[in-house]
Amino acid sequence: LIKWSKMADAAKIVSCVPNVSEGIRQDVIDKISEAIKSTESCTLLEVSAGASTNRTVYTFIGTPASVVEAALKLSKVAYDLIDMSLHRGEHPRMGVVDVCPFVPVSGVTVEDCITCSQVYGRRLAEMLNVPVFLYEESATRPHCKALNDIRKGEYEGLPERLKNSEWKPDFGPDTFVARWGATATGVRDYLIAYNVNLIATKNQAHRIALDIRENGRGPKSLGTLKSCKAIGWYLEESDLSQVSINLTNFHVTNIHTAFEECKRIANELNLPVVGSEVVSLLPLKAMLLASDYYIKKENLFILDEKQKIRLVIDRLGLNSLSIFRMEEKIVEYKAGLIKSGPLISLSVKEFLGSLRARTAAPGGGSASALVASVGTSLGTMVGWMTYGWKKFEHLDHVMRETIPPLYQATEKLMDLIDRDSEAFKGFQVAMALPKETAEQAIKREEAMQEALKHAVDVPLQVIRISNTCWPHLVTMAHHGNINTKSDLQVGAISLKTGIQGAKFNVDINLVSLTDEEFKSHVKQLAEESLKTAEMKCSEVLQCLLERNP
């Protein structure tokens, strides 16, 4: 029996990329799109139809449970509207929903996605009585791992293939269903379609492709890049050639690695590389890995995420053929996953208005996280007001080490402003549970105790994160631009106040908890943390008092 366990967490994001054997009839393509769009907690990112292949690739993301529901919905619509016995197209295929891979995006593991493919495959077979194979990471048999092996002989070869016990489907009947064919579902890494541009001939581009792709020119002459497939072609509309690349695991070979390797070989051949392009969508992680490479290679100092993305756009020439817009090209941005919580998105006036309203949340917990983040932000500001100035040039290496942890702490604390309010709402939900029967009362009490522990954990995180910042504030007090003395004084007091406020929130939530061991441990931790904050705050202030402008 396949179970979801605790996968229905909104923070867990899975991508699903079903390939449907219809690329000509727009009305059918649109109805399948609507099936995806109608699924709650799902976002349709892209629809790519090909007339010559008579095939459409849909890309959508959502929570694990929602992507499975959307995949089942689109499969039912496709079953009603597509007859596989009439299908003709250039692309290899064996079924109406030919392949339906699940791809981990954020907060999920490969194992989570394997569960998605298993649930989808089982329910699809039960719903439509069709054969379903598990492939790649979901494969239950070694010979079913590669999609090409499962699909060998394509749709036309299925009647004979299904008679062979070796090719018994994982779910559904082992008999041929003419209208449907068969479906393969499984888990793969995020595939990035990426092209490197050259002023060269098609043959020269293909020569580079053969040099870099994993299979190279054959078993005796393998290429230089793992998890890389590539060919060379000529792009007539742009009057240049491209090394067209599929990166099947960007954690092994990322876009910057492919670009630099193409560039290295092109230089040996005296060929100019004139940028590159991301064909479809790519994960934010791929862009950040590329930025990390160039930041390290060029000894740069960049912290802001969007500035890191801008660096990669420039270094890879991603604007060479069309403008690279992160809101359109990066999965998390396109899906609206990169956004601040409702409280942190408010203006100062709006936030203060929400604090003074006749509501229990936001309250002191959110305010404490905010005040602490003011402290770390002011510490960061002092760093920036010291770094990059000629008179403080001898301190650049100190600021490069001191600014990042303060910057990162601010990001984490800002997130906790909203999470504290959410934790309180979780407790309210638990309190509202029914308590008419003894069983209901027990379940309600258990839910309340769990919610209280979560409500304690958020301000504890404020305390922990804030207290990691004191060594860096002390460094700023000793070396920071003395003209920002008062800013760092306010920062230190704000950080200490945020910690003290968070401790008050810990204390009040501990009162109703019944786990005495937990209460004792947390209370001691909070008290010791406050003592540390008071001591370190005094150290920062004393240091600043002893320095003269």
Protein backbone atom coordinates (compact mmCIF):
# COMPACT_ATOMS: atom_id res chain seq x y z
CA LEU A 1 0.00 0.00 0.00
CA ILE A 2 1.44 3.34 -1.07
CA LYS A 3 0.99 6.16 1.43
CA TRP A 4 1.71 9.87 1.27
CA SER A 5 2.98 10.10 4.88
CA LYS A 6 3.49 13.83 5.50
CA MET A 7 4.14 14.86 1.92
CA ALA A 8 1.20 17.24 1.58
CA ASP A 9 3.32 20.11 2.85
CA ALA A 10 2.84 23.30 0.84
CA ALA A 11 6.60 23.96 1.05
CA LYS A 12 7.27 20.79 -0.96
CA ILE A 13 7.29 21.45 -4.70
CA VAL A 14 7.37 18.82 -7.46
CA SER A 15 7.44 19.39 -11.21
CA CYS A 16 5.58 17.10 -13.60
CA VAL A 17 6.41 17.00 -17.33
CA PRO A 18 3.94 14.72 -19.16
CA ASN A 19 4.47 14.17 -22.89
CA VAL A 20 1.11 13.74 -24.64
CA SER A 21 0.73 12.29 -28.12
CA GLU A 22 -1.14 15.23 -29.64
CA GLY A 23 0.56 18.28 -31.12
CA ILE A 24 -1.77 19.37 -33.93
CA ARG A 25 -5.34 19.80 -32.65
CA GLN A 26 -5.25 23.01 -30.62
CA ASP A 27 -8.63 22.39 -29.02
CA VAL A 28 -7.37 19.10 -27.53
CA ILE A 29 -4.11 20.70 -26.38
CA ASP A 30 -6.10 23.48 -24.68
CA LYS A 31 -8.53 21.10 -22.94
CA ILE A 32 -5.62 19.18 -21.44
CA SER A 33 -4.12 22.50 -20.29
CA GLU A 34 -7.42 23.38 -18.60
CA ALA A 35 -7.41 20.08 -16.73
CA ILE A 36 -4.06 21.05 -15.21
CA LYS A 37 -5.09 24.64 -14.46
CA SER A 38 -8.25 23.48 -12.71
CA THR A 39 -6.24 21.54 -10.11
CA GLU A 40 -5.82 23.34 -6.80
CA SER A 41 -2.21 24.11 -5.75
CA CYS A 42 -0.93 23.48 -9.30
CA THR A 43 0.67 26.01 -11.65
CA LEU A 44 0.97 25.35 -15.39
CA LEU A 45 4.33 26.81 -16.43
CA GLU A 46 4.69 25.89 -20.07
CA VAL A 47 2.97 24.16 -22.99
CA SER A 48 5.24 23.20 -25.88
CA ALA A 49 3.48 21.65 -28.88
CA GLY A 50 5.16 20.25 -32.00
CA ALA A 51 3.21 19.57 -35.17
CA SER A 52 5.87 17.38 -36.82
CA THR A 53 6.25 15.24 -33.70
CA ASN A 54 2.48 15.42 -33.05
CA ARG A 55 3.37 15.72 -29.39
CA THR A 56 2.91 18.30 -26.62
CA VAL A 57 5.05 18.65 -23.51
CA TYR A 58 3.32 20.18 -20.47
CA THR A 59 5.31 21.50 -17.54
CA PHE A 60 3.54 22.21 -14.25
CA ILE A 61 4.48 22.32 -10.58
CA GLY A 62 2.73 22.01 -7.25
CA THR A 63 2.62 20.04 -4.03
CA PRO A 64 3.24 16.29 -4.42
CA ALA A 65 -0.44 15.41 -4.02
CA SER A 66 -1.64 18.15 -6.37
CA VAL A 67 0.69 17.26 -9.25
CA VAL A 68 -0.48 13.65 -9.08
CA GLU A 69 -4.12 14.81 -9.21
CA ALA A 70 -3.37 17.08 -12.17
CA ALA A 71 -1.56 14.27 -13.99
CA LEU A 72 -4.56 11.99 -13.50
CA LYS A 73 -6.98 14.68 -14.66
CA LEU A 74 -5.05 15.39 -17.85
CA SER A 75 -4.73 11.64 -18.50
CA LYS A 76 -8.51 11.20 -18.33
CA VAL A 77 -9.07 14.11 -20.73
CA ALA A 78 -6.41 12.72 -23.08
CA TYR A 79 -8.00 9.25 -22.94
CA ASP A 80 -11.37 10.70 -23.98
CA LEU A 81 -10.00 12.84 -26.84
CA ILE A 82 -7.04 10.93 -28.32
CA ASP A 83 -7.07 7.58 -30.13
CA MET A 84 -3.52 6.26 -30.25
CA SER A 85 -4.30 3.92 -33.14
CA LEU A 86 -4.64 7.02 -35.35
CA HIS A 87 -1.45 8.73 -34.16
CA ARG A 88 1.44 9.54 -36.49
CA GLY A 89 4.50 11.60 -35.57
CA GLU A 90 8.26 11.81 -35.85
CA HIS A 91 9.01 11.36 -32.13
CA PRO A 92 9.27 7.85 -30.63
CA ARG A 93 6.09 7.10 -28.64
CA MET A 94 4.09 4.20 -27.22
CA GLY A 95 1.02 5.78 -25.61
CA VAL A 96 -1.44 8.66 -25.33
CA VAL A 97 0.34 9.95 -22.23
CA ASP A 98 3.63 8.57 -23.48
CA VAL A 99 5.79 9.45 -20.51
CA CYS A 100 4.99 11.23 -17.24
CA PRO A 101 8.12 12.05 -15.20
CA PHE A 102 8.10 13.68 -11.77
CA VAL A 103 11.00 16.00 -10.94
CA PRO A 104 12.06 17.27 -7.49
CA VAL A 105 12.11 21.09 -7.36
CA SER A 106 12.08 22.32 -3.77
CA GLY A 107 11.82 20.70 -0.34
CA VAL A 108 11.37 17.19 -1.75
CA THR A 109 13.59 14.17 -2.20
CA VAL A 110 13.87 11.67 -5.02
CA GLU A 111 12.02 9.23 -2.73
CA ASP A 112 9.10 11.68 -2.47
CA CYS A 113 8.89 11.83 -6.25
CA ILE A 114 9.13 8.04 -6.54
CA THR A 115 6.02 7.92 -4.36
CA CYS A 116 4.33 10.39 -6.74
CA SER A 117 5.08 8.17 -9.74
CA GLN A 118 3.90 5.04 -7.92
CA VAL A 119 0.63 6.66 -6.84
CA TYR A 120 0.04 8.08 -10.33
CA GLY A 121 0.84 4.77 -12.06
CA ARG A 122 -1.36 2.69 -9.78
CA ARG A 123 -4.32 5.08 -9.92
CA LEU A 124 -4.02 5.56 -13.69
CA ALA A 125 -4.12 1.81 -14.23
CA GLU A 126 -7.14 1.47 -11.92
CA MET A 127 -8.96 4.42 -13.51
CA LEU A 128 -8.45 3.55 -17.20
CA ASN A 129 -7.36 -0.12 -17.10
CA VAL A 130 -4.19 0.60 -19.10
CA PRO A 131 -0.59 -0.69 -18.84
CA VAL A 132 1.87 1.46 -16.89
CA PHE A 133 5.64 1.00 -16.57
CA LEU A 134 7.93 2.51 -13.93
CA TYR A 135 11.24 3.82 -15.28
CA GLU A 136 14.44 5.66 -14.26
CA GLU A 137 14.65 6.11 -10.45
CA SER A 138 11.24 4.46 -9.99
CA ALA A 139 12.11 1.33 -11.95
CA THR A 140 11.50 -1.95 -10.12
CA ARG A 141 13.55 -4.00 -12.61
CA PRO A 142 16.99 -3.16 -14.05
CA HIS A 143 15.94 -3.63 -17.68
CA CYS A 144 13.12 -1.07 -17.21
CA LYS A 145 15.35 1.75 -16.03
CA ALA A 146 16.00 3.35 -19.44
CA LEU A 147 12.97 4.84 -21.20
CA ASN A 148 14.36 3.91 -24.62
CA ASP A 149 14.41 0.24 -23.62
CA ILE A 150 10.80 0.31 -22.45
CA ARG A 151 9.69 2.17 -25.57
CA LYS A 152 11.62 -0.04 -28.02
CA GLY A 153 9.33 -0.99 -30.88
CA GLU A 154 7.06 1.92 -29.94
CA TYR A 155 3.27 1.73 -30.01
CA GLU A 156 3.19 -0.63 -32.99
CA GLY A 157 5.37 -3.18 -31.20
CA LEU A 158 3.34 -3.26 -27.98
CA PRO A 159 0.97 -6.17 -28.84
CA GLU A 160 3.89 -8.61 -29.15
CA ARG A 161 6.01 -6.99 -26.45
CA LEU A 162 3.28 -7.31 -23.79
CA LYS A 163 3.12 -11.08 -24.42
CA ASN A 164 6.65 -11.35 -23.07
CA SER A 165 6.61 -11.84 -19.27
CA GLU A 166 9.84 -9.83 -19.06
CA TRP A 167 7.85 -6.77 -20.12
CA LYS A 168 4.89 -7.21 -17.81
CA PRO A 169 3.69 -3.73 -16.77
CA ASP A 170 4.17 -2.58 -13.17
CA PHE A 171 0.48 -1.60 -13.05
CA GLY A 172 -2.53 -2.47 -15.17
CA PRO A 173 -3.19 -5.25 -17.68
CA ASP A 174 -0.53 -7.06 -19.70
CA THR A 175 -2.81 -6.93 -22.72
CA PHE A 176 -2.72 -4.39 -25.56
CA VAL A 177 -5.12 -1.41 -25.22
CA ALA A 178 -5.31 -0.06 -28.77
CA ARG A 179 -6.82 3.31 -27.86
CA TRP A 180 -4.16 4.08 -25.22
CA GLY A 181 -1.02 2.06 -25.78
CA ALA A 182 1.13 2.25 -22.62
CA THR A 183 2.53 4.88 -20.27
CA ALA A 184 5.92 5.16 -18.57
CA THR A 185 6.15 7.12 -15.35
CA GLY A 186 9.11 7.70 -13.07
CA VAL A 187 11.53 10.19 -11.62
CA ARG A 188 14.34 12.05 -13.29
CA ASP A 189 16.50 15.02 -12.49
CA TYR A 190 15.59 18.40 -13.89
CA LEU A 191 16.58 18.43 -17.56
CA ILE A 192 17.98 21.76 -18.78
CA ALA A 193 17.86 22.43 -22.53
CA TYR A 194 20.76 24.79 -23.17
CA ASN A 195 22.45 26.03 -26.36
CA VAL A 196 25.88 27.62 -26.83
CA ASN A 197 26.15 30.03 -29.77
CA LEU A 198 29.08 30.00 -32.21
CA ILE A 199 30.10 31.87 -35.33
CA ALA A 200 30.99 28.63 -37.04
CA THR A 201 29.73 26.01 -39.44
CA LYS A 202 27.29 23.28 -38.46
CA ASN A 203 30.09 20.70 -38.72
CA GLN A 204 32.34 22.70 -36.39
CA ALA A 205 29.54 23.01 -33.85
CA HIS A 206 28.86 19.28 -34.07
CA ARG A 207 32.56 18.56 -33.59
CA ILE A 208 32.42 20.41 -30.26
CA ALA A 209 29.19 18.57 -29.38
CA LEU A 210 30.91 15.23 -29.94
CA ASP A 211 33.83 16.34 -27.76
CA ILE A 212 31.68 17.30 -24.78
CA ARG A 213 28.74 14.88 -24.73
CA GLU A 214 29.05 11.96 -22.34
CA ASN A 215 28.85 9.29 -25.05
CA GLY A 216 31.34 11.19 -27.19
CA ARG A 217 32.09 9.48 -30.50
CA GLY A 218 31.55 6.00 -29.06
CA PRO A 219 32.72 3.67 -26.27
CA LYS A 220 36.39 4.18 -27.16
CA SER A 221 36.16 7.96 -27.37
CA LEU A 222 33.91 9.31 -24.60
CA GLY A 223 33.19 13.01 -24.13
CA THR A 224 34.40 15.33 -21.39
CA LEU A 225 31.08 16.06 -19.64
CA LYS A 226 28.92 13.65 -17.64
CA SER A 227 25.10 13.83 -17.79
CA CYS A 228 25.39 15.71 -21.07
CA LYS A 229 23.82 15.03 -24.46
CA ALA A 230 24.68 17.30 -27.38
CA ILE A 231 24.52 17.82 -31.14
CA GLY A 232 25.60 20.65 -33.40
CA TRP A 233 23.28 22.50 -35.76
CA TYR A 234 22.93 25.67 -37.79
CA LEU A 235 20.39 28.32 -36.77
CA GLU A 236 19.40 29.91 -40.05
CA GLU A 237 17.27 32.74 -38.60
CA SER A 238 20.20 33.96 -36.50
CA ASP A 239 22.99 33.10 -38.97
CA LEU A 240 25.03 31.19 -36.42
CA SER A 241 25.60 27.64 -35.25
CA GLN A 242 24.81 26.14 -31.89
CA VAL A 243 25.97 23.32 -29.69
CA SER A 244 22.53 22.12 -28.59
CA ILE A 245 22.83 20.54 -25.16
CA ASN A 246 20.58 18.58 -22.83
CA LEU A 247 21.93 18.55 -19.27
CA THR A 248 20.23 15.58 -17.62
CA ASN A 249 21.61 16.30 -14.12
CA PHE A 250 22.70 19.89 -13.53
CA HIS A 251 24.18 18.91 -10.16
CA VAL A 252 26.75 16.89 -12.14
CA THR A 253 27.19 19.21 -15.13
CA ASN A 254 25.66 22.66 -14.91
CA ILE A 255 25.20 25.36 -17.56
CA HIS A 256 28.40 27.21 -16.66
CA THR A 257 30.45 24.01 -16.95
CA ALA A 258 29.02 23.28 -20.39
CA PHE A 259 29.58 26.89 -21.51
CA GLU A 260 33.19 27.00 -20.32
CA GLU A 261 34.00 23.63 -21.90
CA CYS A 262 32.50 24.69 -25.25
CA LYS A 263 34.45 27.93 -24.99
CA ARG A 264 37.71 26.09 -24.25
CA ILE A 265 37.37 23.80 -27.27
CA ALA A 266 36.18 26.67 -29.50
CA ASN A 267 39.28 28.68 -28.55
CA GLU A 268 41.48 25.75 -29.61
CA LEU A 269 39.68 25.79 -32.96
CA ASN A 270 39.89 29.61 -33.23
CA LEU A 271 36.10 29.87 -33.18
CA PRO A 272 34.24 32.70 -31.39
CA VAL A 273 31.59 31.87 -28.78
CA VAL A 274 28.89 34.55 -28.90
CA GLY A 275 26.67 33.82 -25.92
CA SER A 276 24.20 31.10 -25.09
CA GLU A 277 20.52 30.52 -24.40
CA VAL A 278 18.31 28.58 -22.02
CA VAL A 279 15.66 27.01 -24.21
CA SER A 280 12.97 26.31 -21.65
CA LEU A 281 12.92 26.77 -17.87
CA LEU A 282 15.64 26.05 -15.35
CA PRO A 283 15.75 25.85 -11.54
CA LEU A 284 17.05 28.78 -9.51
CA LYS A 285 19.69 26.45 -8.04
CA ALA A 286 21.31 26.09 -11.48
CA MET A 287 21.72 29.86 -11.76
CA LEU A 288 23.10 30.14 -8.23
CA LEU A 289 25.61 27.34 -8.81
CA ALA A 290 26.81 29.21 -11.89
CA SER A 291 27.08 32.46 -9.94
CA ASP A 292 29.08 30.71 -7.20
CA TYR A 293 31.53 29.52 -9.86
CA TYR A 294 32.14 32.98 -11.31
CA ILE A 295 32.22 34.68 -7.90
CA LYS A 296 34.95 32.27 -6.78
CA LYS A 297 36.81 32.34 -10.08
CA GLU A 298 36.94 36.14 -10.25
CA ASN A 299 37.14 36.76 -6.47
CA LEU A 300 33.92 38.80 -6.55
CA PHE A 301 31.82 39.89 -3.59
CA ILE A 302 28.10 39.56 -4.37
CA LEU A 303 25.37 38.63 -1.87
CA ASP A 304 22.06 39.70 -3.42
CA GLU A 305 20.29 36.91 -5.30
CA LYS A 306 19.18 39.04 -8.25
CA GLN A 307 22.66 40.48 -8.65
CA LYS A 308 24.01 36.91 -8.76
CA ILE A 309 21.53 36.10 -11.52
CA ARG A 310 22.56 39.25 -13.41
CA LEU A 311 26.19 38.11 -13.20
CA VAL A 312 25.34 34.74 -14.77
CA ILE A 313 23.29 36.37 -17.52
CA ASP A 314 26.32 38.49 -18.39
CA ARG A 315 29.00 35.79 -18.15
CA LEU A 316 27.04 33.25 -20.21
CA GLY A 317 25.69 35.83 -22.67
CA LEU A 318 22.11 34.73 -22.04
CA ASN A 319 20.75 37.89 -23.66
CA SER A 320 22.50 37.20 -26.98
CA LEU A 321 19.48 35.91 -28.93
CA SER A 322 16.61 37.14 -26.76
CA ILE A 323 16.25 38.88 -23.42
CA PHE A 324 16.62 36.50 -20.48
CA ARG A 325 13.89 37.47 -18.04
CA MET A 326 14.20 35.68 -14.71
CA GLU A 327 10.45 35.93 -14.18
CA GLU A 328 9.94 33.86 -17.33
CA LYS A 329 12.96 31.56 -17.34
CA ILE A 330 13.54 30.53 -13.71
CA VAL A 331 11.05 27.98 -12.39
CA GLU A 332 10.68 29.42 -8.90
CA TYR A 333 10.18 32.98 -10.17
CA LYS A 334 7.72 31.97 -12.89
CA ALA A 335 5.69 29.93 -10.41
CA GLY A 336 5.60 32.77 -7.89
CA LEU A 337 7.56 30.80 -5.30
CA ILE A 338 10.05 33.65 -4.79
CA LYS A 339 7.99 36.03 -2.74
CA SER A 340 8.00 37.46 0.74
CA GLY A 341 5.41 36.61 3.38
CA PRO A 342 2.37 38.86 3.85
CA LEU A 343 3.77 40.73 6.86
CA ILE A 344 7.27 41.41 5.55
CA SER A 345 5.68 42.65 2.30
CA LEU A 346 3.80 45.41 4.14
CA SER A 347 4.98 49.01 4.28
CA VAL A 348 6.22 50.25 7.67
CA LYS A 349 2.94 52.12 8.13
CA GLU A 350 0.88 49.05 7.26
CA PHE A 351 2.91 46.79 9.53
CA LEU A 352 2.54 49.12 12.50
CA GLY A 353 -1.16 49.32 11.73
CA SER A 354 -1.41 45.53 11.90
CA LEU A 355 0.46 45.51 15.23
CA ARG A 356 -1.88 48.04 16.85
CA ALA A 357 -5.04 46.33 15.55
CA ARG A 358 -7.46 44.43 17.78
CA THR A 359 -5.99 41.06 16.78
CA ALA A 360 -3.69 38.64 18.61
CA ALA A 361 -1.39 38.22 15.59
CA PRO A 362 0.91 39.69 14.55
CA GLY A 363 2.15 40.45 18.03
CA GLY A 364 5.28 40.47 20.14
CA GLY A 365 6.85 37.46 18.44
CA SER A 366 6.76 39.00 14.97
CA ALA A 367 7.86 42.34 16.42
CA SER A 368 10.84 40.67 18.13
CA ALA A 369 11.96 39.06 14.87
CA LEU A 370 11.63 42.43 13.16
CA VAL A 371 13.61 44.28 15.82
CA ALA A 372 16.36 41.65 15.71
CA SER A 373 16.51 41.97 11.91
CA VAL A 374 16.88 45.75 12.33
CA GLY A 375 19.98 45.00 14.42
CA THR A 376 21.54 42.68 11.84
CA SER A 377 20.61 45.04 9.01
CA LEU A 378 22.36 47.97 10.70
CA GLY A 379 25.40 45.77 11.25
CA THR A 380 25.36 44.91 7.54
CA MET A 381 25.03 48.60 6.66
CA VAL A 382 28.12 49.47 8.71
CA GLY A 383 29.99 46.78 6.78
CA TRP A 384 28.95 48.21 3.42
CA MET A 385 29.86 51.72 4.60
CA THR A 386 33.37 50.41 5.31
CA TYR A 387 33.89 48.05 2.35
CA GLY A 388 35.00 49.48 -0.99
CA TRP A 389 36.21 52.85 0.31
CA LYS A 390 39.84 53.65 -0.50
CA LYS A 391 40.58 54.86 3.05
CA PHE A 392 39.38 51.49 4.42
CA GLU A 393 40.82 49.36 1.64
CA HIS A 394 43.07 47.53 4.11
CA LEU A 395 39.87 46.25 5.81
CA ASP A 396 38.22 44.82 2.66
CA HIS A 397 39.17 41.25 3.57
CA VAL A 398 37.68 41.71 7.05
CA MET A 399 34.41 43.07 5.65
CA ARG A 400 34.19 40.26 3.08
CA GLU A 401 34.17 37.78 5.96
CA THR A 402 31.93 39.82 8.29
CA ILE A 403 29.16 41.16 6.03
CA PRO A 404 27.81 37.81 4.62
CA PRO A 405 26.77 36.19 7.95
CA LEU A 406 24.96 39.39 9.00
CA TYR A 407 23.27 39.62 5.60
CA GLN A 408 22.18 35.96 5.73
CA ALA A 409 20.94 36.30 9.33
CA THR A 410 18.76 39.22 8.24
CA GLU A 411 17.19 37.08 5.50
CA LYS A 412 16.37 34.32 7.99
CA LEU A 413 14.98 36.71 10.61
CA MET A 414 12.72 38.41 8.06
CA ASP A 415 11.22 35.02 7.24
CA LEU A 416 10.51 34.43 10.94
CA ILE A 417 8.41 37.63 11.14
CA ASP A 418 5.68 35.83 9.21
CA ARG A 419 6.37 32.39 10.62
CA ASP A 420 5.70 33.58 14.18
CA SER A 421 2.27 34.84 13.17
CA GLU A 422 1.58 31.58 11.30
CA ALA A 423 2.57 29.56 14.38
CA PHE A 424 0.03 31.41 16.51
CA LYS A 425 -2.67 30.80 13.90
CA GLY A 426 -1.77 27.10 14.02
CA PHE A 427 -2.45 27.13 17.77
CA GLN A 428 -5.81 28.82 17.17
CA VAL A 429 -6.73 26.07 14.69
CA ALA A 430 -5.88 23.42 17.29
CA MET A 431 -7.96 25.21 19.92
CA ALA A 432 -10.96 25.24 17.59
CA LEU A 433 -10.97 21.45 17.24
CA PRO A 434 -14.07 19.69 18.65
CA LYS A 435 -13.93 18.43 22.25
CA GLU A 436 -17.40 16.95 22.81
CA THR A 437 -16.20 13.36 23.27
CA ALA A 438 -13.29 12.07 25.31
CA GLU A 439 -11.49 10.96 22.16
CA GLN A 440 -11.96 14.40 20.56
CA ALA A 441 -10.70 16.12 23.70
CA ILE A 442 -7.54 13.99 23.72
CA LYS A 443 -6.84 14.70 20.04
CA ARG A 444 -7.46 18.42 20.60
CA GLU A 445 -5.07 18.51 23.55
CA GLU A 446 -2.38 16.67 21.56
CA ALA A 447 -2.79 19.10 18.67
CA MET A 448 -2.57 22.09 21.03
CA GLN A 449 0.59 20.74 22.67
CA GLU A 450 2.19 20.21 19.26
CA ALA A 451 1.17 23.70 18.14
CA LEU A 452 2.60 25.22 21.33
CA LYS A 453 5.94 23.53 20.73
CA HIS A 454 5.97 24.99 17.24
CA ALA A 455 5.06 28.40 18.70
CA VAL A 456 8.05 28.05 21.04
CA ASP A 457 10.38 26.95 18.24
CA VAL A 458 9.96 30.12 16.16
CA PRO A 459 11.15 32.62 18.82
CA LEU A 460 13.87 30.11 19.75
CA GLN A 461 15.10 30.36 16.18
CA VAL A 462 15.10 34.15 16.50
CA ILE A 463 17.29 33.79 19.58
CA ARG A 464 19.66 31.26 18.00
CA ILE A 465 20.13 33.16 14.74
CA SER A 466 20.55 36.50 16.48
CA ASN A 467 23.15 35.22 18.93
CA THR A 468 25.34 33.94 16.08
CA CYS A 469 25.74 37.56 14.98
CA TRP A 470 27.55 38.94 18.03
CA PRO A 471 31.09 38.01 16.93
CA HIS A 472 30.48 39.88 13.69
CA LEU A 473 29.05 42.95 15.44
CA VAL A 474 32.10 42.93 17.74
CA THR A 475 34.33 42.88 14.64
CA MET A 476 32.36 45.78 13.19
CA ALA A 477 32.76 47.68 16.47
CA HIS A 478 36.54 47.29 16.26
CA HIS A 479 37.01 47.88 12.53
CA GLY A 480 33.87 49.44 11.03
CA ASN A 481 33.68 52.99 9.68
CA ILE A 482 33.63 55.08 12.87
CA ASN A 483 31.32 57.58 11.21
CA THR A 484 28.62 54.91 11.50
CA LYS A 485 29.20 54.54 15.26
CA SER A 486 25.65 55.47 16.27
CA ASP A 487 24.18 53.09 13.66
CA LEU A 488 26.07 50.16 15.16
CA GLN A 489 25.06 51.23 18.67
CA VAL A 490 21.41 51.16 17.65
CA GLY A 491 22.02 47.85 15.87
CA ALA A 492 23.49 46.20 18.96
CA ILE A 493 20.67 47.39 21.22
CA SER A 494 18.07 46.30 18.62
CA LEU A 495 19.60 42.84 18.37
CA LYS A 496 19.62 42.41 22.15
CA THR A 497 16.03 43.71 22.38
CA GLY A 498 14.90 41.27 19.69
CA ILE A 499 16.45 38.41 21.64
CA GLN A 500 14.86 39.56 24.89
CA GLY A 501 11.47 39.92 23.22
CA ALA A 502 11.78 36.45 21.71
CA LYS A 503 12.57 35.06 25.19
CA PHE A 504 9.37 36.64 26.54
CA ASN A 505 7.44 34.80 23.81
CA VAL A 506 9.18 31.53 24.65
CA ASP A 507 8.31 31.98 28.33
CA ILE A 508 4.61 32.64 27.78
CA ASN A 509 4.20 29.65 25.46
CA LEU A 510 6.00 27.33 27.87
CA VAL A 511 3.38 27.95 30.57
CA SER A 512 0.72 25.77 28.94
CA LEU A 513 3.06 22.96 27.85
CA THR A 514 2.91 19.70 29.79
CA ASP A 515 6.25 18.23 28.65
CA GLU A 516 8.33 19.15 31.70
CA GLU A 517 11.63 17.91 30.26
CA PHE A 518 11.13 20.02 27.13
CA LYS A 519 10.14 23.05 29.21
CA SER A 520 13.18 22.78 31.46
CA HIS A 521 15.60 22.45 28.54
CA VAL A 522 14.12 25.34 26.58
CA LYS A 523 13.88 27.64 29.60
CA GLN A 524 17.54 27.10 30.45
CA LEU A 525 18.58 27.64 26.83
CA ALA A 526 16.60 30.90 26.57
CA GLU A 527 17.99 32.26 29.84
CA GLU A 528 21.61 31.48 28.91
CA SER A 529 21.09 33.01 25.46
CA LEU A 530 19.80 36.25 26.94
CA LYS A 531 22.80 36.46 29.27
CA THR A 532 25.09 36.02 26.27
CA ALA A 533 23.23 38.75 24.39
CA GLU A 534 23.49 41.18 27.29
CA MET A 535 27.20 40.52 27.71
CA LYS A 536 27.98 40.83 23.97
CA CYS A 537 25.84 43.94 23.56
CA SER A 538 27.80 45.60 26.39
CA GLU A 539 31.05 44.58 24.69
CA VAL A 540 30.02 46.19 21.40
CA LEU A 541 28.85 49.40 23.10
CA GLN A 542 32.00 49.65 25.23
CA CYS A 543 34.23 49.16 22.22
CA LEU A 544 32.42 51.91 20.34
CA LEU A 545 32.64 54.29 23.30
CA GLU A 546 36.41 53.85 23.35
CA ARG A 547 36.79 54.65 19.65
CA ASN A 548 37.01 58.26 18.52
CA PRO A 549 35.74 59.57 15.17
